[in-house]
N, C-alpha and C. Protein backbone atom coordinates (compact mmCIF):
# COMPACT_ATOMS: atom_id res chain seq x y z
N MET A 1 -21.32 -72.80 156.66
CA MET A 1 -21.27 -74.21 156.31
C MET A 1 -21.25 -75.03 157.61
N PHE A 2 -21.81 -76.21 157.54
CA PHE A 2 -21.87 -77.06 158.71
C PHE A 2 -20.50 -77.62 159.05
N ASP A 3 -20.22 -77.67 160.34
CA ASP A 3 -18.96 -78.24 160.81
C ASP A 3 -19.24 -79.69 161.19
N VAL A 4 -18.89 -80.62 160.28
CA VAL A 4 -19.16 -82.04 160.49
C VAL A 4 -17.84 -82.74 160.78
N ASN A 5 -17.89 -83.63 161.72
CA ASN A 5 -16.71 -84.37 162.13
C ASN A 5 -16.20 -85.25 160.98
N LYS A 6 -14.88 -85.24 160.77
CA LYS A 6 -14.30 -86.03 159.70
C LYS A 6 -14.44 -87.52 159.97
N LYS A 7 -14.47 -87.89 161.24
CA LYS A 7 -14.63 -89.31 161.58
C LYS A 7 -16.02 -89.81 161.18
N LEU A 8 -17.01 -88.94 161.28
CA LEU A 8 -18.35 -89.32 160.88
C LEU A 8 -18.42 -89.56 159.38
N TRP A 9 -17.77 -88.70 158.59
CA TRP A 9 -17.74 -88.90 157.14
C TRP A 9 -16.99 -90.18 156.79
N SER A 10 -15.90 -90.44 157.48
CA SER A 10 -15.13 -91.65 157.25
C SER A 10 -15.96 -92.89 157.58
N PHE A 11 -16.69 -92.83 158.69
CA PHE A 11 -17.56 -93.95 159.07
C PHE A 11 -18.65 -94.17 158.02
N ASN A 12 -19.28 -93.11 157.56
CA ASN A 12 -20.33 -93.24 156.55
C ASN A 12 -19.78 -93.81 155.24
N PHE A 13 -18.62 -93.35 154.83
CA PHE A 13 -18.01 -93.86 153.60
C PHE A 13 -17.63 -95.33 153.76
N GLY A 14 -17.13 -95.72 154.91
CA GLY A 14 -16.80 -97.12 155.17
C GLY A 14 -18.03 -98.01 155.15
N CYS A 15 -19.13 -97.52 155.71
CA CYS A 15 -20.38 -98.28 155.67
C CYS A 15 -20.90 -98.42 154.24
N LEU A 16 -20.73 -97.38 153.46
CA LEU A 16 -21.14 -97.44 152.05
C LEU A 16 -20.31 -98.47 151.29
N LEU A 17 -19.01 -98.48 151.51
CA LEU A 17 -18.16 -99.47 150.85
C LEU A 17 -18.49 -100.89 151.28
N ALA A 18 -18.72 -101.09 152.58
CA ALA A 18 -19.05 -102.42 153.07
C ALA A 18 -20.40 -102.89 152.51
N GLY A 19 -21.36 -102.00 152.45
CA GLY A 19 -22.66 -102.36 151.88
C GLY A 19 -22.57 -102.68 150.41
N SER A 20 -21.75 -101.95 149.67
CA SER A 20 -21.62 -102.24 148.25
C SER A 20 -20.89 -103.56 148.03
N LEU A 21 -19.94 -103.90 148.90
CA LEU A 21 -19.28 -105.20 148.78
C LEU A 21 -20.25 -106.34 149.04
N VAL A 22 -21.10 -106.19 150.06
CA VAL A 22 -22.11 -107.22 150.33
C VAL A 22 -23.05 -107.35 149.15
N TRP A 23 -23.43 -106.24 148.54
CA TRP A 23 -24.31 -106.27 147.38
C TRP A 23 -23.64 -106.98 146.21
N LEU A 24 -22.35 -106.71 145.97
CA LEU A 24 -21.64 -107.37 144.87
C LEU A 24 -21.47 -108.87 145.13
N VAL A 25 -21.24 -109.26 146.37
CA VAL A 25 -21.14 -110.68 146.70
C VAL A 25 -22.48 -111.37 146.47
N GLN A 26 -23.57 -110.70 146.79
CA GLN A 26 -24.90 -111.27 146.55
C GLN A 26 -25.14 -111.45 145.06
N ILE A 27 -24.72 -110.49 144.25
CA ILE A 27 -24.85 -110.62 142.79
C ILE A 27 -24.04 -111.82 142.31
N GLY A 28 -22.84 -112.00 142.86
CA GLY A 28 -22.00 -113.13 142.47
C GLY A 28 -22.63 -114.47 142.78
N HIS A 29 -23.31 -114.55 143.91
CA HIS A 29 -23.94 -115.81 144.28
C HIS A 29 -25.24 -116.07 143.53
N LEU A 30 -25.89 -115.03 143.08
CA LEU A 30 -27.16 -115.19 142.37
C LEU A 30 -26.98 -115.30 140.85
N ALA A 31 -25.77 -115.12 140.37
CA ALA A 31 -25.53 -115.16 138.92
C ALA A 31 -25.76 -116.57 138.39
N PRO A 32 -26.46 -116.68 137.28
CA PRO A 32 -26.68 -118.01 136.70
C PRO A 32 -25.38 -118.59 136.15
N VAL A 33 -25.25 -119.90 136.30
CA VAL A 33 -24.05 -120.59 135.83
C VAL A 33 -24.27 -121.02 134.39
N PRO A 34 -23.35 -120.68 133.48
CA PRO A 34 -23.50 -121.11 132.09
C PRO A 34 -23.45 -122.63 131.98
N SER A 35 -24.15 -123.15 131.01
CA SER A 35 -24.24 -124.61 130.86
C SER A 35 -22.89 -125.25 130.53
N ILE A 36 -21.97 -124.49 129.97
CA ILE A 36 -20.66 -125.04 129.65
C ILE A 36 -19.87 -125.37 130.92
N LEU A 37 -20.22 -124.75 132.03
CA LEU A 37 -19.51 -124.99 133.28
C LEU A 37 -20.17 -126.05 134.15
N HIS A 38 -21.31 -126.59 133.77
CA HIS A 38 -22.01 -127.57 134.60
C HIS A 38 -21.18 -128.82 134.88
N PRO A 39 -20.38 -129.35 133.95
CA PRO A 39 -19.57 -130.53 134.31
C PRO A 39 -18.46 -130.23 135.32
N HIS A 40 -18.10 -128.99 135.49
CA HIS A 40 -17.00 -128.61 136.38
C HIS A 40 -17.56 -128.15 137.72
N THR A 41 -18.05 -129.08 138.52
CA THR A 41 -18.71 -128.71 139.78
C THR A 41 -17.73 -128.13 140.79
N ASP A 42 -16.48 -128.58 140.79
CA ASP A 42 -15.51 -128.01 141.74
C ASP A 42 -15.28 -126.52 141.48
N PHE A 43 -15.16 -126.16 140.20
CA PHE A 43 -14.98 -124.74 139.86
C PHE A 43 -16.20 -123.93 140.24
N ILE A 44 -17.38 -124.48 139.97
CA ILE A 44 -18.62 -123.75 140.27
C ILE A 44 -18.73 -123.51 141.77
N LEU A 45 -18.44 -124.52 142.57
CA LEU A 45 -18.60 -124.38 144.02
C LEU A 45 -17.52 -123.50 144.64
N ASP A 46 -16.30 -123.58 144.12
CA ASP A 46 -15.19 -122.88 144.77
C ASP A 46 -14.90 -121.49 144.21
N TYR A 47 -14.96 -121.35 142.90
CA TYR A 47 -14.44 -120.13 142.29
C TYR A 47 -15.45 -119.28 141.53
N TYR A 48 -16.55 -119.84 141.06
CA TYR A 48 -17.45 -119.08 140.18
C TYR A 48 -18.06 -117.85 140.86
N PRO A 49 -18.63 -117.96 142.07
CA PRO A 49 -19.20 -116.74 142.68
C PRO A 49 -18.15 -115.66 142.93
N GLY A 50 -16.95 -116.05 143.33
CA GLY A 50 -15.90 -115.08 143.56
C GLY A 50 -15.44 -114.40 142.29
N SER A 51 -15.35 -115.18 141.21
CA SER A 51 -14.92 -114.58 139.95
C SER A 51 -16.00 -113.65 139.39
N VAL A 52 -17.26 -114.00 139.54
CA VAL A 52 -18.34 -113.11 139.10
C VAL A 52 -18.33 -111.83 139.94
N THR A 53 -18.09 -111.95 141.24
CA THR A 53 -18.01 -110.78 142.11
C THR A 53 -16.84 -109.88 141.69
N ALA A 54 -15.69 -110.48 141.40
CA ALA A 54 -14.51 -109.69 141.01
C ALA A 54 -14.74 -108.98 139.68
N ILE A 55 -15.34 -109.66 138.72
CA ILE A 55 -15.62 -109.05 137.42
C ILE A 55 -16.64 -107.93 137.57
N THR A 56 -17.68 -108.17 138.36
CA THR A 56 -18.70 -107.14 138.57
C THR A 56 -18.11 -105.92 139.29
N ALA A 57 -17.26 -106.16 140.29
CA ALA A 57 -16.63 -105.05 141.01
C ALA A 57 -15.74 -104.23 140.10
N SER A 58 -14.99 -104.90 139.23
CA SER A 58 -14.13 -104.15 138.32
C SER A 58 -14.95 -103.37 137.29
N LEU A 59 -16.06 -103.94 136.82
CA LEU A 59 -16.91 -103.20 135.88
C LEU A 59 -17.55 -102.00 136.54
N VAL A 60 -18.02 -102.17 137.78
CA VAL A 60 -18.65 -101.06 138.50
C VAL A 60 -17.63 -99.96 138.79
N SER A 61 -16.40 -100.35 139.13
CA SER A 61 -15.41 -99.33 139.44
C SER A 61 -14.86 -98.64 138.20
N LEU A 62 -14.87 -99.31 137.06
CA LEU A 62 -14.37 -98.70 135.84
C LEU A 62 -15.43 -97.89 135.10
N TYR A 63 -16.70 -98.18 135.32
CA TYR A 63 -17.77 -97.51 134.58
C TYR A 63 -17.84 -96.01 134.85
N PRO A 64 -17.76 -95.55 136.11
CA PRO A 64 -17.83 -94.09 136.33
C PRO A 64 -16.67 -93.34 135.68
N SER A 65 -15.48 -93.94 135.61
CA SER A 65 -14.37 -93.23 134.98
C SER A 65 -14.63 -93.06 133.48
N ASN A 66 -15.31 -94.02 132.88
CA ASN A 66 -15.66 -93.89 131.46
C ASN A 66 -16.72 -92.81 131.26
N LEU A 67 -17.60 -92.65 132.23
CA LEU A 67 -18.63 -91.62 132.10
C LEU A 67 -18.02 -90.23 132.13
N LYS A 68 -17.01 -90.01 132.96
CA LYS A 68 -16.39 -88.69 133.05
C LYS A 68 -15.74 -88.31 131.73
N VAL A 69 -15.11 -89.25 131.09
CA VAL A 69 -14.46 -88.97 129.82
C VAL A 69 -15.50 -88.73 128.74
N GLN A 70 -16.61 -89.43 128.82
CA GLN A 70 -17.63 -89.34 127.80
C GLN A 70 -18.33 -87.98 127.80
N PHE A 71 -18.53 -87.38 128.99
CA PHE A 71 -19.29 -86.15 129.07
C PHE A 71 -18.44 -84.89 129.01
N GLN A 72 -17.13 -85.02 128.96
CA GLN A 72 -16.29 -83.83 128.88
C GLN A 72 -16.36 -83.26 127.47
N SER A 73 -16.29 -81.94 127.40
CA SER A 73 -16.32 -81.31 126.07
C SER A 73 -15.12 -80.44 125.83
């Protein structure tokens, strides 16, 4: 088996996490704003992208755990 440095694996995993966070933030900023929120411009500018990012991150992190339970026999 290959002898790979643990620091290299840690660096790669950290880069993967940072890249996925940037991807989730981009999804949060590109998400369409529902028409019910259009009168609330302060909320849209300050909190909407962050809340979409948080909801998307929680869904992405919870989805694989549901898959493991689903495929067990």
